[in-house]
Amino acid sequence: MIIGILGRPKKANEREYNIFSKGVTDVIIKYDSIPLGIIPPVTNVLSDIKQEEVKKICKLIDLCDGIILQGGSDFYQYDIEAIKYILEKDIPVLGICLGMQSITAAYGASLTDVSNHKKDGIPYVHDVILNENSKLYKIMKKNKIEVNSRHEQQIINPLTVQVSGLHDNVIEAVEVEEKTFCIGVQWHPEDMIEYDEDSKKLFDSFFLSCQNYAKNK
C-alpha cells in the first residue's frame, strides 16, 4: 500500500524545507507500506494556491491508499484543498495533532489558544473520555484512554464534525461519520505505538481501511 504524508514547510537558517515526521514514516514502514511525500507548492504556502497547483496535489493523492496528516505548527490553504479532495474521494485519512485541526478547519471550525496541554521539557500525559457513539470508541472498546499531549491550540465550534474525545472540555478527537475512515486525534499515537496498545489499535484500524480501499480502487 502507498500512504501519503502531507509535507510541512519549514524555514531554517534562511533555507526552506519540506518536513516529514520520522515517527510517521516509521509507522508506515512498520505496516509494510510505502510512505509517499505530498509536497506543498512552496511558492504559495503563505498565499492563495493556484488551481493548477491543486491539480498537481490531487494527482499525488490519487496514488495513495490512505493519507496521514502529520503534526506541525501551522496549516495553509493547500492543506485545506488537499483535505477537501481526500474527503471527496473517501480516501482513509488519519489526522495527528495539527492534522486533526486542519480536518476541522476544512469543515469551517476555528482554533483558539489552550493552556495546560503542553509542559516544556516534561512528558505530559492525560486521559481522554471517548464518545460511546463514535468510531473511535468502537476501535478502542473502552470509554477512557491515556494519551500524550503537547498542543497549544484547541478546536472551537466544530460544526458538522463529530467530537469523539474530550479532556477537560477540550476537544481531543474528531471524526467525520459519513466517511469510511476520517479520524483526527490531538495527540501523537506514532510516538506511543511501541508500548501503547490503544495507539496500535488506532493504526491497525487505519491500515485495515487503507487495505480495503486499495482492494476496491
N, C-alpha and C. Protein backbone atom coordinates (compact mmCIF):
# COMPACT_ATOMS: atom_id res chain seq x y z
N MET A 1 0.84 -1.20 0.00
CA MET A 1 0.00 0.00 0.00
C MET A 1 0.88 1.25 0.00
N ILE A 2 0.34 2.30 -0.55
CA ILE A 2 1.02 3.59 -0.56
C ILE A 2 0.26 4.54 0.37
N ILE A 3 0.96 5.09 1.34
CA ILE A 3 0.35 6.00 2.30
C ILE A 3 0.97 7.38 2.13
N GLY A 4 0.16 8.36 1.79
CA GLY A 4 0.64 9.71 1.60
C GLY A 4 0.79 10.46 2.90
N ILE A 5 1.82 11.30 2.96
CA ILE A 5 2.03 12.20 4.10
C ILE A 5 2.08 13.62 3.56
N LEU A 6 1.20 14.46 4.05
CA LEU A 6 1.19 15.85 3.60
C LEU A 6 2.36 16.59 4.25
N GLY A 7 3.28 17.09 3.42
CA GLY A 7 4.50 17.73 3.92
C GLY A 7 4.23 19.02 4.66
N ARG A 8 5.13 19.34 5.59
CA ARG A 8 5.05 20.58 6.35
C ARG A 8 6.20 21.48 5.95
N PRO A 9 5.93 22.68 5.47
CA PRO A 9 7.01 23.60 5.10
C PRO A 9 7.70 24.15 6.35
N LYS A 10 9.00 24.31 6.26
CA LYS A 10 9.76 24.85 7.39
C LYS A 10 10.92 25.67 6.86
N LYS A 11 11.19 26.78 7.50
CA LYS A 11 12.32 27.62 7.12
C LYS A 11 13.32 27.65 8.27
N ALA A 12 14.58 27.36 7.98
CA ALA A 12 15.63 27.38 8.99
C ALA A 12 16.93 27.83 8.35
N ASN A 13 17.64 28.73 9.03
CA ASN A 13 18.91 29.24 8.51
C ASN A 13 18.78 29.78 7.09
N GLU A 14 17.66 30.51 6.87
CA GLU A 14 17.39 31.14 5.57
C GLU A 14 17.17 30.13 4.44
N ARG A 15 16.92 28.88 4.79
CA ARG A 15 16.64 27.87 3.77
C ARG A 15 15.26 27.27 4.03
N GLU A 16 14.59 26.86 2.95
CA GLU A 16 13.25 26.28 3.07
C GLU A 16 13.30 24.77 2.88
N TYR A 17 12.50 24.07 3.70
CA TYR A 17 12.48 22.61 3.67
C TYR A 17 11.04 22.12 3.66
N ASN A 18 10.85 20.90 3.19
CA ASN A 18 9.59 20.18 3.41
C ASN A 18 9.87 19.09 4.43
N ILE A 19 9.11 19.09 5.52
CA ILE A 19 9.38 18.19 6.64
C ILE A 19 8.39 17.03 6.64
N PHE A 20 8.93 15.83 6.86
CA PHE A 20 8.11 14.63 7.01
C PHE A 20 8.53 13.93 8.30
N SER A 21 7.60 13.71 9.20
CA SER A 21 7.89 13.13 10.51
C SER A 21 8.47 11.72 10.39
N LYS A 22 9.63 11.51 11.02
CA LYS A 22 10.22 10.17 11.03
C LYS A 22 9.32 9.19 11.78
N GLY A 23 8.67 9.67 12.86
CA GLY A 23 7.76 8.80 13.59
C GLY A 23 6.64 8.28 12.72
N VAL A 24 6.10 9.14 11.86
CA VAL A 24 5.02 8.74 10.96
C VAL A 24 5.53 7.80 9.88
N THR A 25 6.66 8.14 9.26
CA THR A 25 7.19 7.25 8.21
C THR A 25 7.57 5.89 8.79
N ASP A 26 8.08 5.87 10.02
CA ASP A 26 8.42 4.59 10.66
C ASP A 26 7.19 3.71 10.84
N VAL A 27 6.07 4.33 11.23
CA VAL A 27 4.83 3.56 11.40
C VAL A 27 4.37 2.99 10.06
N ILE A 28 4.43 3.79 9.02
CA ILE A 28 4.01 3.33 7.69
C ILE A 28 4.85 2.13 7.25
N ILE A 29 6.14 2.23 7.45
CA ILE A 29 7.04 1.12 7.08
C ILE A 29 6.76 -0.10 7.96
N LYS A 30 6.48 0.12 9.23
CA LYS A 30 6.16 -0.97 10.16
C LYS A 30 4.96 -1.78 9.66
N TYR A 31 4.02 -1.10 9.01
CA TYR A 31 2.83 -1.78 8.47
C TYR A 31 3.04 -2.22 7.02
N ASP A 32 4.30 -2.39 6.65
CA ASP A 32 4.66 -2.94 5.34
C ASP A 32 4.07 -2.12 4.20
N SER A 33 4.08 -0.81 4.38
CA SER A 33 3.55 0.11 3.37
C SER A 33 4.63 1.09 2.94
N ILE A 34 4.33 1.83 1.88
CA ILE A 34 5.30 2.76 1.30
C ILE A 34 4.87 4.20 1.61
N PRO A 35 5.73 4.98 2.30
CA PRO A 35 5.38 6.38 2.52
C PRO A 35 5.63 7.23 1.28
N LEU A 36 4.66 8.05 0.93
CA LEU A 36 4.79 8.94 -0.22
C LEU A 36 4.62 10.38 0.24
N GLY A 37 5.66 11.19 0.07
CA GLY A 37 5.58 12.58 0.47
C GLY A 37 4.77 13.41 -0.51
N ILE A 38 3.76 14.09 -0.01
CA ILE A 38 2.97 15.01 -0.83
C ILE A 38 3.50 16.41 -0.55
N ILE A 39 4.20 16.96 -1.53
CA ILE A 39 4.96 18.19 -1.32
C ILE A 39 4.08 19.41 -1.59
N PRO A 40 4.04 20.35 -0.64
CA PRO A 40 3.24 21.56 -0.85
C PRO A 40 3.87 22.46 -1.90
N PRO A 41 3.06 23.30 -2.55
CA PRO A 41 3.60 24.27 -3.51
C PRO A 41 4.33 25.37 -2.76
N VAL A 42 5.64 25.30 -2.71
CA VAL A 42 6.45 26.19 -1.85
C VAL A 42 6.17 27.66 -2.12
N THR A 43 5.99 28.02 -3.38
CA THR A 43 5.81 29.43 -3.70
C THR A 43 4.49 29.99 -3.19
N ASN A 44 3.56 29.12 -2.83
CA ASN A 44 2.23 29.60 -2.44
C ASN A 44 1.84 29.20 -1.03
N VAL A 45 2.81 28.82 -0.21
CA VAL A 45 2.49 28.37 1.14
C VAL A 45 1.73 29.44 1.92
N LEU A 46 2.14 30.68 1.77
CA LEU A 46 1.53 31.74 2.56
C LEU A 46 0.50 32.56 1.79
N SER A 47 0.14 32.11 0.60
CA SER A 47 -0.84 32.85 -0.20
C SER A 47 -1.83 31.88 -0.82
N ASP A 48 -2.74 32.41 -1.61
CA ASP A 48 -3.74 31.57 -2.24
C ASP A 48 -3.08 30.60 -3.21
N ILE A 49 -3.51 29.36 -3.16
CA ILE A 49 -2.96 28.33 -4.04
C ILE A 49 -3.63 28.43 -5.40
N LYS A 50 -2.87 28.21 -6.46
CA LYS A 50 -3.40 28.27 -7.81
C LYS A 50 -4.07 26.95 -8.16
N GLN A 51 -5.04 27.02 -9.08
CA GLN A 51 -5.80 25.83 -9.44
C GLN A 51 -4.92 24.74 -10.03
N GLU A 52 -3.92 25.12 -10.84
CA GLU A 52 -3.04 24.10 -11.42
C GLU A 52 -2.20 23.41 -10.35
N GLU A 53 -1.92 24.12 -9.26
CA GLU A 53 -1.18 23.51 -8.15
C GLU A 53 -2.06 22.54 -7.37
N VAL A 54 -3.33 22.88 -7.24
CA VAL A 54 -4.29 21.96 -6.61
C VAL A 54 -4.35 20.66 -7.40
N LYS A 55 -4.38 20.76 -8.72
CA LYS A 55 -4.45 19.57 -9.57
C LYS A 55 -3.23 18.68 -9.39
N LYS A 56 -2.06 19.29 -9.23
CA LYS A 56 -0.83 18.50 -9.02
C LYS A 56 -0.88 17.75 -7.70
N ILE A 57 -1.36 18.41 -6.66
CA ILE A 57 -1.50 17.75 -5.36
C ILE A 57 -2.49 16.60 -5.46
N CYS A 58 -3.59 16.82 -6.16
CA CYS A 58 -4.61 15.78 -6.31
C CYS A 58 -4.07 14.56 -7.05
N LYS A 59 -3.19 14.78 -8.02
CA LYS A 59 -2.59 13.65 -8.75
C LYS A 59 -1.75 12.79 -7.82
N LEU A 60 -1.02 13.43 -6.92
CA LEU A 60 -0.25 12.67 -5.93
C LEU A 60 -1.18 11.91 -4.98
N ILE A 61 -2.23 12.58 -4.54
CA ILE A 61 -3.19 11.94 -3.63
C ILE A 61 -3.83 10.72 -4.28
N ASP A 62 -4.09 10.80 -5.59
CA ASP A 62 -4.70 9.67 -6.31
C ASP A 62 -3.84 8.41 -6.28
N LEU A 63 -2.55 8.57 -6.06
CA LEU A 63 -1.65 7.41 -5.98
C LEU A 63 -1.76 6.68 -4.65
N CYS A 64 -2.41 7.30 -3.68
CA CYS A 64 -2.38 6.81 -2.30
C CYS A 64 -3.58 5.94 -1.95
N ASP A 65 -3.33 5.01 -1.02
CA ASP A 65 -4.39 4.16 -0.47
C ASP A 65 -4.85 4.67 0.90
N GLY A 66 -4.17 5.65 1.41
CA GLY A 66 -4.50 6.28 2.68
C GLY A 66 -3.63 7.50 2.85
N ILE A 67 -4.04 8.39 3.74
CA ILE A 67 -3.31 9.64 3.98
C ILE A 67 -3.15 9.85 5.48
N ILE A 68 -1.94 10.24 5.90
CA ILE A 68 -1.73 10.68 7.27
C ILE A 68 -1.40 12.17 7.24
N LEU A 69 -2.19 12.94 7.97
CA LEU A 69 -1.94 14.37 8.12
C LEU A 69 -1.12 14.54 9.39
N GLN A 70 0.16 14.85 9.24
CA GLN A 70 1.06 14.87 10.38
C GLN A 70 0.94 16.16 11.18
N GLY A 71 1.61 16.17 12.33
CA GLY A 71 1.61 17.35 13.18
C GLY A 71 2.49 18.46 12.62
N GLY A 72 2.43 19.61 13.26
CA GLY A 72 3.21 20.76 12.82
C GLY A 72 2.77 22.02 13.55
N SER A 73 3.19 23.16 13.05
CA SER A 73 2.89 24.43 13.72
C SER A 73 1.72 25.18 13.09
N ASP A 74 1.63 25.16 11.76
CA ASP A 74 0.60 25.92 11.06
C ASP A 74 0.11 25.13 9.85
N PHE A 75 -1.16 25.32 9.51
CA PHE A 75 -1.64 24.77 8.24
C PHE A 75 -2.02 25.92 7.33
N TYR A 76 -2.09 25.60 6.02
CA TYR A 76 -2.26 26.63 5.00
C TYR A 76 -3.38 26.24 4.05
N GLN A 77 -3.60 27.07 3.04
CA GLN A 77 -4.68 26.80 2.10
C GLN A 77 -4.48 25.49 1.35
N TYR A 78 -3.22 25.13 1.07
CA TYR A 78 -3.01 23.87 0.35
C TYR A 78 -3.44 22.67 1.19
N ASP A 79 -3.32 22.78 2.53
CA ASP A 79 -3.82 21.71 3.40
C ASP A 79 -5.32 21.54 3.22
N ILE A 80 -6.02 22.65 3.24
CA ILE A 80 -7.48 22.61 3.14
C ILE A 80 -7.92 22.04 1.79
N GLU A 81 -7.27 22.47 0.71
CA GLU A 81 -7.62 21.95 -0.62
C GLU A 81 -7.34 20.45 -0.70
N ALA A 82 -6.22 20.02 -0.15
CA ALA A 82 -5.89 18.59 -0.16
C ALA A 82 -6.91 17.79 0.64
N ILE A 83 -7.27 18.28 1.81
CA ILE A 83 -8.22 17.56 2.67
C ILE A 83 -9.59 17.48 2.00
N LYS A 84 -10.03 18.54 1.38
CA LYS A 84 -11.33 18.52 0.68
C LYS A 84 -11.34 17.43 -0.40
N TYR A 85 -10.23 17.30 -1.11
CA TYR A 85 -10.15 16.28 -2.17
C TYR A 85 -10.10 14.88 -1.56
N ILE A 86 -9.33 14.71 -0.50
CA ILE A 86 -9.25 13.41 0.20
C ILE A 86 -10.64 12.97 0.66
N LEU A 87 -11.39 13.90 1.24
CA LEU A 87 -12.73 13.58 1.73
C LEU A 87 -13.69 13.30 0.57
N GLU A 88 -13.55 14.06 -0.50
CA GLU A 88 -14.40 13.84 -1.68
C GLU A 88 -14.20 12.43 -2.24
N LYS A 89 -12.96 11.97 -2.26
CA LYS A 89 -12.63 10.64 -2.78
C LYS A 89 -12.83 9.54 -1.74
N ASP A 90 -13.14 9.92 -0.51
CA ASP A 90 -13.31 8.99 0.62
C ASP A 90 -12.08 8.10 0.81
N ILE A 91 -10.90 8.71 0.70
CA ILE A 91 -9.65 8.00 0.99
C ILE A 91 -9.47 7.98 2.50
N PRO A 92 -9.12 6.84 3.09
CA PRO A 92 -8.91 6.79 4.54
C PRO A 92 -7.88 7.84 4.97
N VAL A 93 -8.20 8.59 6.02
CA VAL A 93 -7.30 9.65 6.47
C VAL A 93 -7.25 9.69 7.99
N LEU A 94 -6.04 9.80 8.50
CA LEU A 94 -5.81 9.94 9.94
C LEU A 94 -5.09 11.26 10.18
N GLY A 95 -5.71 12.14 10.95
CA GLY A 95 -5.10 13.42 11.27
C GLY A 95 -4.48 13.39 12.66
N ILE A 96 -3.23 13.83 12.76
CA ILE A 96 -2.49 13.82 14.02
C ILE A 96 -2.18 15.26 14.43
N CYS A 97 -2.66 15.65 15.60
CA CYS A 97 -2.38 16.98 16.18
C CYS A 97 -2.83 18.08 15.21
N LEU A 98 -1.90 18.78 14.58
CA LEU A 98 -2.27 19.79 13.58
C LEU A 98 -3.14 19.18 12.48
N GLY A 99 -2.89 17.92 12.15
CA GLY A 99 -3.68 17.24 11.13
C GLY A 99 -5.15 17.15 11.51
N MET A 100 -5.42 16.90 12.81
CA MET A 100 -6.80 16.90 13.28
C MET A 100 -7.41 18.29 13.14
N GLN A 101 -6.64 19.30 13.55
CA GLN A 101 -7.14 20.67 13.48
C GLN A 101 -7.45 21.09 12.04
N SER A 102 -6.62 20.65 11.11
CA SER A 102 -6.84 21.04 9.71
C SER A 102 -8.07 20.34 9.12
N ILE A 103 -8.37 19.12 9.57
CA ILE A 103 -9.61 18.46 9.13
C ILE A 103 -10.81 19.30 9.54
N THR A 104 -10.83 19.73 10.79
CA THR A 104 -11.98 20.52 11.25
C THR A 104 -12.02 21.88 10.57
N ALA A 105 -10.85 22.45 10.26
CA ALA A 105 -10.81 23.74 9.55
C ALA A 105 -11.41 23.61 8.16
N ALA A 106 -11.22 22.44 7.53
CA ALA A 106 -11.81 22.21 6.21
C ALA A 106 -13.33 22.21 6.28
N TYR A 107 -13.87 21.95 7.47
CA TYR A 107 -15.31 21.97 7.68
C TYR A 107 -15.77 23.28 8.34
N GLY A 108 -14.86 24.25 8.45
CA GLY A 108 -15.26 25.57 8.94
C GLY A 108 -15.05 25.83 10.42
N ALA A 109 -14.38 24.92 11.14
CA ALA A 109 -14.14 25.14 12.57
C ALA A 109 -13.05 26.19 12.78
N SER A 110 -12.97 26.69 14.00
CA SER A 110 -11.97 27.70 14.35
C SER A 110 -11.05 27.15 15.44
N LEU A 111 -9.92 27.82 15.63
CA LEU A 111 -8.96 27.44 16.67
C LEU A 111 -8.75 28.59 17.63
N THR A 112 -8.42 28.24 18.87
CA THR A 112 -8.04 29.23 19.86
C THR A 112 -6.95 28.64 20.74
N ASP A 113 -6.23 29.50 21.45
CA ASP A 113 -5.14 29.02 22.30
C ASP A 113 -5.69 28.22 23.48
N VAL A 114 -4.89 27.27 23.94
CA VAL A 114 -5.26 26.47 25.11
C VAL A 114 -4.04 26.38 26.02
N SER A 115 -4.29 26.39 27.32
CA SER A 115 -3.18 26.27 28.28
C SER A 115 -3.24 24.90 28.96
N ASN A 116 -2.17 24.53 29.62
CA ASN A 116 -2.09 23.30 30.41
C ASN A 116 -2.19 22.03 29.60
N HIS A 117 -1.90 22.10 28.29
CA HIS A 117 -1.87 20.88 27.48
C HIS A 117 -0.49 20.63 26.90
N LYS A 118 0.46 21.41 27.36
CA LYS A 118 1.85 21.22 26.96
C LYS A 118 2.74 21.71 28.09
N LYS A 119 3.69 20.87 28.50
CA LYS A 119 4.62 21.25 29.57
C LYS A 119 6.03 21.12 29.03
N ASP A 120 6.71 22.24 28.86
CA ASP A 120 8.04 22.25 28.25
C ASP A 120 9.01 21.38 29.04
N GLY A 121 9.67 20.48 28.32
CA GLY A 121 10.69 19.64 28.93
C GLY A 121 10.17 18.49 29.76
N ILE A 122 8.85 18.37 29.88
CA ILE A 122 8.28 17.31 30.71
C ILE A 122 7.29 16.50 29.88
N PRO A 123 7.48 15.18 29.77
CA PRO A 123 6.46 14.36 29.09
C PRO A 123 5.13 14.48 29.83
N TYR A 124 4.09 14.88 29.11
CA TYR A 124 2.80 15.14 29.74
C TYR A 124 1.77 14.16 29.21
N VAL A 125 1.05 13.52 30.13
CA VAL A 125 0.03 12.53 29.77
C VAL A 125 -1.26 12.90 30.48
N HIS A 126 -2.38 12.76 29.78
CA HIS A 126 -3.69 12.93 30.43
C HIS A 126 -4.68 11.96 29.80
N ASP A 127 -5.83 11.82 30.43
CA ASP A 127 -6.83 10.90 29.87
C ASP A 127 -7.74 11.64 28.89
N VAL A 128 -8.39 10.85 28.04
CA VAL A 128 -9.39 11.34 27.09
C VAL A 128 -10.63 10.48 27.25
N ILE A 129 -11.76 11.13 27.43
CA ILE A 129 -13.04 10.42 27.54
C ILE A 129 -13.65 10.32 26.14
N LEU A 130 -13.94 9.09 25.72
CA LEU A 130 -14.43 8.85 24.36
C LEU A 130 -15.96 8.87 24.31
N ASN A 131 -16.47 9.39 23.22
CA ASN A 131 -17.90 9.38 22.92
C ASN A 131 -18.31 7.96 22.55
N GLU A 132 -19.23 7.40 23.29
CA GLU A 132 -19.61 5.99 23.09
C GLU A 132 -20.33 5.76 21.77
N ASN A 133 -20.72 6.80 21.08
CA ASN A 133 -21.35 6.66 19.76
C ASN A 133 -20.35 6.82 18.62
N SER A 134 -19.08 6.91 18.95
CA SER A 134 -18.08 7.21 17.93
C SER A 134 -17.39 5.96 17.40
N LYS A 135 -16.80 6.10 16.21
CA LYS A 135 -15.98 5.04 15.63
C LYS A 135 -14.75 4.79 16.51
N LEU A 136 -14.21 5.87 17.08
CA LEU A 136 -13.02 5.74 17.93
C LEU A 136 -13.30 4.87 19.15
N TYR A 137 -14.48 5.03 19.72
CA TYR A 137 -14.88 4.17 20.85
C TYR A 137 -14.95 2.71 20.42
N LYS A 138 -15.49 2.47 19.24
CA LYS A 138 -15.59 1.09 18.74
C LYS A 138 -14.20 0.50 18.50
N ILE A 139 -13.26 1.33 18.09
CA ILE A 139 -11.89 0.86 17.86
C ILE A 139 -11.21 0.52 19.19
N MET A 140 -11.36 1.40 20.17
CA MET A 140 -10.68 1.22 21.46
C MET A 140 -11.39 0.23 22.38
N LYS A 141 -12.72 0.12 22.20
CA LYS A 141 -13.54 -0.77 23.03
C LYS A 141 -13.52 -0.38 24.51
N LYS A 142 -13.41 0.91 24.77
CA LYS A 142 -13.49 1.43 26.13
C LYS A 142 -13.73 2.93 26.05
N ASN A 143 -14.15 3.52 27.17
CA ASN A 143 -14.53 4.93 27.12
C ASN A 143 -13.47 5.89 27.64
N LYS A 144 -12.32 5.36 28.07
CA LYS A 144 -11.26 6.25 28.54
C LYS A 144 -9.90 5.70 28.14
N ILE A 145 -9.06 6.58 27.57
CA ILE A 145 -7.71 6.20 27.20
C ILE A 145 -6.74 7.26 27.71
N GLU A 146 -5.46 6.90 27.79
CA GLU A 146 -4.43 7.87 28.18
C GLU A 146 -3.60 8.23 26.96
N VAL A 147 -3.29 9.52 26.82
CA VAL A 147 -2.58 9.99 25.63
C VAL A 147 -1.48 10.97 26.04
N ASN A 148 -0.52 11.16 25.13
CA ASN A 148 0.46 12.23 25.33
C ASN A 148 -0.15 13.56 24.90
N SER A 149 0.46 14.65 25.30
CA SER A 149 -0.14 15.96 24.99
C SER A 149 0.95 17.01 24.88
N ARG A 150 0.97 17.72 23.74
CA ARG A 150 1.90 18.83 23.59
C ARG A 150 1.36 19.89 22.60
N HIS A 151 0.06 20.10 22.64
CA HIS A 151 -0.53 21.08 21.72
C HIS A 151 -0.83 22.39 22.44
N GLU A 152 -0.85 23.47 21.67
CA GLU A 152 -1.04 24.81 22.22
C GLU A 152 -2.33 25.47 21.75
N GLN A 153 -3.09 24.76 20.90
CA GLN A 153 -4.36 25.30 20.42
C GLN A 153 -5.44 24.24 20.54
N GLN A 154 -6.68 24.70 20.54
CA GLN A 154 -7.82 23.79 20.60
C GLN A 154 -8.87 24.21 19.57
N ILE A 155 -9.73 23.25 19.24
CA ILE A 155 -10.81 23.48 18.28
C ILE A 155 -12.02 24.05 19.00
N ILE A 156 -12.65 25.03 18.38
CA ILE A 156 -13.95 25.51 18.85
C ILE A 156 -14.93 25.45 17.68
N ASN A 157 -16.21 25.43 18.00
CA ASN A 157 -17.31 25.32 17.02
C ASN A 157 -17.00 24.33 15.89
N PRO A 158 -16.90 23.01 16.22
CA PRO A 158 -16.55 22.01 15.20
C PRO A 158 -17.63 21.76 14.16
N LEU A 159 -18.81 22.35 14.32
CA LEU A 159 -19.86 22.29 13.30
C LEU A 159 -20.27 20.86 12.98
N THR A 160 -20.06 20.40 11.75
CA THR A 160 -20.59 19.09 11.34
C THR A 160 -19.66 17.93 11.65
N VAL A 161 -18.50 18.20 12.21
CA VAL A 161 -17.57 17.12 12.55
C VAL A 161 -17.92 16.58 13.93
N GLN A 162 -18.04 15.27 14.05
CA GLN A 162 -18.41 14.67 15.33
C GLN A 162 -17.23 14.72 16.30
N VAL A 163 -17.50 15.17 17.52
CA VAL A 163 -16.48 15.14 18.57
C VAL A 163 -16.47 13.73 19.17
N SER A 164 -15.32 13.07 19.14
CA SER A 164 -15.27 11.69 19.63
C SER A 164 -14.43 11.53 20.89
N GLY A 165 -13.76 12.61 21.36
CA GLY A 165 -12.98 12.52 22.58
C GLY A 165 -12.76 13.88 23.22
N LEU A 166 -12.82 13.94 24.57
CA LEU A 166 -12.67 15.19 25.30
C LEU A 166 -11.74 15.01 26.50
N HIS A 167 -11.07 16.11 26.88
CA HIS A 167 -10.35 16.19 28.15
C HIS A 167 -10.55 17.58 28.70
N ASP A 168 -11.19 17.68 29.88
CA ASP A 168 -11.48 18.98 30.49
C ASP A 168 -12.17 19.92 29.50
N ASN A 169 -13.12 19.38 28.76
CA ASN A 169 -13.89 20.13 27.76
C ASN A 169 -13.08 20.62 26.57
N VAL A 170 -11.85 20.17 26.44
CA VAL A 170 -11.05 20.43 25.25
C VAL A 170 -11.22 19.26 24.29
N ILE A 171 -11.51 19.56 23.02
CA ILE A 171 -11.72 18.51 22.02
C ILE A 171 -10.40 17.83 21.71
N GLU A 172 -10.35 16.52 21.92
CA GLU A 172 -9.12 15.75 21.73
C GLU A 172 -9.20 14.78 20.55
N ALA A 173 -10.40 14.55 20.03
CA ALA A 173 -10.55 13.65 18.88
C ALA A 173 -11.83 14.00 18.14
N VAL A 174 -11.77 13.87 16.81
CA VAL A 174 -12.93 14.13 15.97
C VAL A 174 -13.01 13.07 14.88
N GLU A 175 -14.16 12.99 14.26
CA GLU A 175 -14.31 12.09 13.10
C GLU A 175 -15.44 12.59 12.22
N VAL A 176 -15.40 12.19 10.96
CA VAL A 176 -16.47 12.52 10.02
C VAL A 176 -17.27 11.24 9.80
N GLU A 177 -18.48 11.21 10.33
CA GLU A 177 -19.26 9.97 10.41
C GLU A 177 -19.53 9.33 9.06
N GLU A 178 -19.80 10.16 8.05
CA GLU A 178 -20.23 9.59 6.77
C GLU A 178 -19.06 9.06 5.93
N LYS A 179 -17.84 9.27 6.38
CA LYS A 179 -16.67 8.78 5.65
C LYS A 179 -16.23 7.42 6.19
N THR A 180 -15.61 6.63 5.32
CA THR A 180 -15.19 5.28 5.71
C THR A 180 -14.22 5.33 6.88
N PHE A 181 -13.21 6.17 6.78
CA PHE A 181 -12.28 6.37 7.90
C PHE A 181 -11.72 7.78 7.81
N CYS A 182 -12.23 8.65 8.65
CA CYS A 182 -11.70 10.01 8.77
C CYS A 182 -11.70 10.35 10.26
N ILE A 183 -10.57 10.14 10.90
CA ILE A 183 -10.42 10.37 12.33
C ILE A 183 -9.25 11.30 12.56
N GLY A 184 -9.44 12.26 13.45
CA GLY A 184 -8.36 13.14 13.86
C GLY A 184 -8.16 13.06 15.36
N VAL A 185 -6.91 12.98 15.80
CA VAL A 185 -6.61 12.94 17.23
C VAL A 185 -5.62 14.05 17.56
N GLN A 186 -5.78 14.64 18.73
CA GLN A 186 -4.93 15.76 19.11
C GLN A 186 -3.56 15.31 19.62
N TRP A 187 -3.45 14.05 19.96
CA TRP A 187 -2.20 13.52 20.49
C TRP A 187 -1.34 12.90 19.38
N HIS A 188 -0.23 12.27 19.77
CA HIS A 188 0.72 11.70 18.81
C HIS A 188 0.84 10.18 19.02
N PRO A 189 -0.06 9.40 18.42
CA PRO A 189 0.00 7.94 18.59
C PRO A 189 1.25 7.32 17.99
N GLU A 190 1.85 7.98 16.99
CA GLU A 190 3.07 7.43 16.38
C GLU A 190 4.22 7.36 17.38
N ASP A 191 4.18 8.21 18.42
CA ASP A 191 5.23 8.20 19.44
C ASP A 191 5.01 7.13 20.50
N MET A 192 3.82 6.50 20.51
CA MET A 192 3.48 5.56 21.58
C MET A 192 3.24 4.14 21.09
N ILE A 193 3.30 3.94 19.78
CA ILE A 193 2.86 2.66 19.22
C ILE A 193 3.67 1.46 19.73
N GLU A 194 4.92 1.66 20.09
CA GLU A 194 5.77 0.55 20.52
C GLU A 194 5.38 0.01 21.89
N TYR A 195 4.67 0.81 22.68
CA TYR A 195 4.34 0.35 24.04
C TYR A 195 2.87 0.54 24.42
N ASP A 196 2.11 1.21 23.59
CA ASP A 196 0.73 1.54 23.94
C ASP A 196 -0.25 0.78 23.05
N GLU A 197 -1.06 -0.05 23.66
CA GLU A 197 -1.99 -0.89 22.91
C GLU A 197 -3.06 -0.07 22.19
N ASP A 198 -3.48 1.04 22.79
CA ASP A 198 -4.51 1.87 22.16
C ASP A 198 -4.00 2.54 20.88
N SER A 199 -2.75 2.97 20.90
CA SER A 199 -2.16 3.54 19.68
C SER A 199 -2.10 2.50 18.57
N LYS A 200 -1.75 1.28 18.95
CA LYS A 200 -1.70 0.19 17.97
C LYS A 200 -3.09 -0.10 17.41
N LYS A 201 -4.11 -0.08 18.25
CA LYS A 201 -5.48 -0.31 17.79
C LYS A 201 -5.87 0.74 16.74
N LEU A 202 -5.51 1.99 17.00
CA LEU A 202 -5.86 3.07 16.07
C LEU A 202 -5.19 2.86 14.72
N PHE A 203 -3.89 2.55 14.73
CA PHE A 203 -3.19 2.34 13.46
C PHE A 203 -3.65 1.05 12.78
N ASP A 204 -3.94 0.01 13.55
CA ASP A 204 -4.47 -1.23 12.96
C ASP A 204 -5.74 -0.94 12.17
N SER A 205 -6.63 -0.16 12.77
CA SER A 205 -7.90 0.15 12.13
C SER A 205 -7.69 1.02 10.89
N PHE A 206 -6.80 1.99 10.98
CA PHE A 206 -6.50 2.86 9.84
C PHE A 206 -5.93 2.05 8.68
N PHE A 207 -4.94 1.22 8.94
CA PHE A 207 -4.31 0.47 7.85
C PHE A 207 -5.23 -0.61 7.28
N LEU A 208 -6.14 -1.13 8.09
CA LEU A 208 -7.15 -2.06 7.56
C LEU A 208 -8.06 -1.32 6.58
N SER A 209 -8.46 -0.11 6.90
CA SER A 209 -9.27 0.70 5.99
C SER A 209 -8.52 1.00 4.70
N CYS A 210 -7.22 1.29 4.83
CA CYS A 210 -6.39 1.54 3.64
C CYS A 210 -6.31 0.30 2.76
N GLN A 211 -6.18 -0.85 3.40
CA GLN A 211 -6.11 -2.12 2.66
C GLN A 211 -7.40 -2.35 1.89
N ASN A 212 -8.52 -2.11 2.52
CA ASN A 212 -9.82 -2.28 1.86
C ASN A 212 -9.99 -1.28 0.72
N TYR A 213 -9.53 -0.05 0.93
CA TYR A 213 -9.61 0.96 -0.12
C TYR A 213 -8.78 0.53 -1.33
N ALA A 214 -7.58 0.02 -1.07
CA ALA A 214 -6.69 -0.42 -2.16
C ALA A 214 -7.32 -1.54 -2.97
N LYS A 215 -8.01 -2.45 -2.29
CA LYS A 215 -8.65 -3.58 -2.98
C LYS A 215 -9.77 -3.13 -3.90
N ASN A 216 -10.44 -2.05 -3.50
CA ASN A 216 -11.63 -1.61 -4.24
C ASN A 216 -11.38 -0.44 -5.17
N LYS A 217 -10.14 -0.07 -5.37
CA LYS A 217 -9.80 1.05 -6.25
C LYS A 217 -10.26 0.78 -7.68
